[in-house]
Amino acid sequence: MAEAKRKPRIEIVDLSETVEAVFNGTTVARSDRAKVLMEGSYPPRYYVPAGDVRMELLRPTTTSTHCPWKGQASYYSVEVGGKLAEDAVWTYRSPIPEMAAIAGLLCFYPEKMDRVALV
């Protein structure tokens, strides 16, 4: 009999530092209102309010994924200076109730960006 999957411990904390996401040498997001989400053994992820993101550089995609612990995610690609990072940003527009703190915030894949870091 298969062992049931245990829910990972997820912690969401308001950051006191500024987080910045850069692609193709351009700052795409800079926020002092971000949250950090820590989930099990995954690396910490920074979630940024849309008001702190240069949304004109994002292109919505048809990609969608489902996380049983957070809900349905939709994705954006980032385009700067003719260079494209596909599905580099995700958001949970309507996460499950326990994850309401990240609703509508955007998260950048560090491996698809030049840099996603505290500054």
Protein backbone atom coordinates (compact mmCIF):
# COMPACT_ATOMS: atom_id res chain seq x y z
CA MET A 1 0.00 0.00 0.00
CA ALA A 2 1.39 3.40 -1.01
CA GLU A 3 2.20 5.83 1.75
CA ALA A 4 0.00 8.93 1.69
CA LYS A 5 1.75 12.14 0.68
CA ARG A 6 2.24 14.41 3.64
CA LYS A 7 1.60 18.09 3.25
CA PRO A 8 4.92 19.97 3.35
CA ARG A 9 5.31 22.69 5.93
CA ILE A 10 4.75 26.01 4.16
CA GLU A 11 5.69 29.29 5.77
CA ILE A 12 4.98 32.74 4.29
CA VAL A 13 6.86 35.69 5.76
CA ASP A 14 6.82 39.41 4.94
CA LEU A 15 10.29 40.51 3.84
CA SER A 16 11.96 43.51 5.41
CA GLU A 17 14.52 43.63 2.58
CA THR A 18 14.08 44.63 -1.06
CA VAL A 19 13.87 41.89 -3.69
CA GLU A 20 14.77 42.48 -7.32
CA ALA A 21 14.25 40.41 -10.48
CA VAL A 22 16.42 41.22 -13.51
CA PHE A 23 16.22 39.84 -17.05
CA ASN A 24 18.42 40.73 -20.01
CA GLY A 25 19.98 43.50 -17.93
CA THR A 26 16.63 45.15 -17.13
CA THR A 27 14.96 45.33 -13.74
CA VAL A 28 11.59 43.63 -14.19
CA ALA A 29 10.55 43.80 -10.53
CA ARG A 30 11.77 45.61 -7.45
CA SER A 31 9.81 45.44 -4.23
CA ASP A 32 10.10 46.22 -0.55
CA ARG A 33 6.64 44.63 -0.06
CA ALA A 34 7.51 41.08 -1.12
CA LYS A 35 6.86 37.89 0.79
CA VAL A 36 9.09 34.84 0.98
CA LEU A 37 7.52 31.40 0.80
CA MET A 38 9.43 28.49 2.31
CA GLU A 39 8.14 25.05 1.41
CA GLY A 40 9.79 21.89 2.65
CA SER A 41 13.17 21.30 1.01
CA TYR A 42 12.52 23.70 -1.90
CA PRO A 43 14.55 26.90 -2.11
CA PRO A 44 12.83 30.03 -0.75
CA ARG A 45 10.67 31.80 -3.35
CA TYR A 46 9.97 35.53 -3.42
CA TYR A 47 6.40 36.64 -4.19
CA VAL A 48 6.07 40.24 -5.39
CA PRO A 49 2.96 42.47 -5.65
CA ALA A 50 1.97 43.19 -9.28
CA GLY A 51 2.29 46.92 -8.58
CA ASP A 52 6.04 46.41 -8.13
CA VAL A 53 6.45 44.52 -11.43
CA ARG A 54 6.89 46.04 -14.88
CA MET A 55 3.83 44.21 -16.21
CA GLU A 56 4.40 45.60 -19.73
CA LEU A 57 7.39 43.23 -19.94
CA LEU A 58 5.28 40.14 -19.13
CA ARG A 59 3.36 38.07 -21.68
CA PRO A 60 0.58 35.77 -20.40
CA THR A 61 0.96 32.14 -21.53
CA THR A 62 -1.44 29.23 -21.70
CA THR A 63 0.61 27.25 -19.17
CA SER A 64 -1.20 26.24 -16.02
CA THR A 65 -0.16 23.93 -13.20
CA HIS A 66 -1.83 22.68 -10.06
CA CYS A 67 -0.23 22.37 -6.64
CA PRO A 68 -2.32 20.50 -4.05
CA TRP A 69 -0.89 22.76 -1.31
CA LYS A 70 -1.34 26.13 -3.04
CA GLY A 71 -3.86 25.76 -5.88
CA GLN A 72 -3.93 26.58 -9.61
CA ALA A 73 -1.02 28.63 -11.01
CA SER A 74 -0.94 30.57 -14.26
CA TYR A 75 2.22 31.76 -16.00
CA TYR A 76 3.86 34.65 -17.82
CA SER A 77 6.90 34.85 -20.05
CA VAL A 78 9.27 37.80 -19.72
CA GLU A 79 10.36 39.67 -22.87
CA VAL A 80 13.10 42.31 -22.80
CA GLY A 81 15.04 43.62 -25.80
CA GLY A 82 13.92 40.79 -28.06
CA LYS A 83 14.98 38.09 -25.57
CA LEU A 84 12.28 35.81 -24.13
CA ALA A 85 12.21 33.78 -20.91
CA GLU A 86 9.27 31.40 -21.34
CA ASP A 87 7.03 30.69 -18.35
CA ALA A 88 9.48 32.53 -16.07
CA VAL A 89 6.81 33.94 -13.74
CA TRP A 90 3.88 32.33 -12.00
CA THR A 91 0.96 33.52 -9.92
CA TYR A 92 -1.82 32.01 -7.87
CA ARG A 93 -4.76 34.31 -8.62
CA SER A 94 -7.09 32.34 -6.34
CA PRO A 95 -5.02 30.02 -4.15
CA ILE A 96 -6.55 27.67 -1.63
CA PRO A 97 -7.74 29.57 1.48
CA GLU A 98 -4.69 28.63 3.59
CA MET A 99 -2.44 30.35 1.02
CA ALA A 100 -4.48 33.55 0.64
CA ALA A 101 -1.37 35.60 1.54
CA ILE A 102 0.10 34.93 -1.94
CA ALA A 103 -3.08 35.64 -3.95
CA GLY A 104 -2.21 37.72 -7.00
CA LEU A 105 1.49 38.00 -6.13
CA LEU A 106 4.05 37.11 -8.81
CA CYS A 107 7.01 34.77 -8.38
CA PHE A 108 10.04 34.60 -10.69
CA TYR A 109 12.02 31.45 -11.48
CA PRO A 110 15.61 32.45 -10.58
CA GLU A 111 17.00 29.93 -13.08
CA LYS A 112 15.14 31.67 -15.96
CA MET A 113 16.10 35.21 -14.97
CA ASP A 114 19.51 36.89 -14.82
CA ARG A 115 18.99 37.40 -11.11
CA VAL A 116 16.30 37.16 -8.45
CA ALA A 117 17.81 38.28 -5.18
CA LEU A 118 17.67 40.49 -2.14
CA VAL A 119 19.37 43.85 -2.76
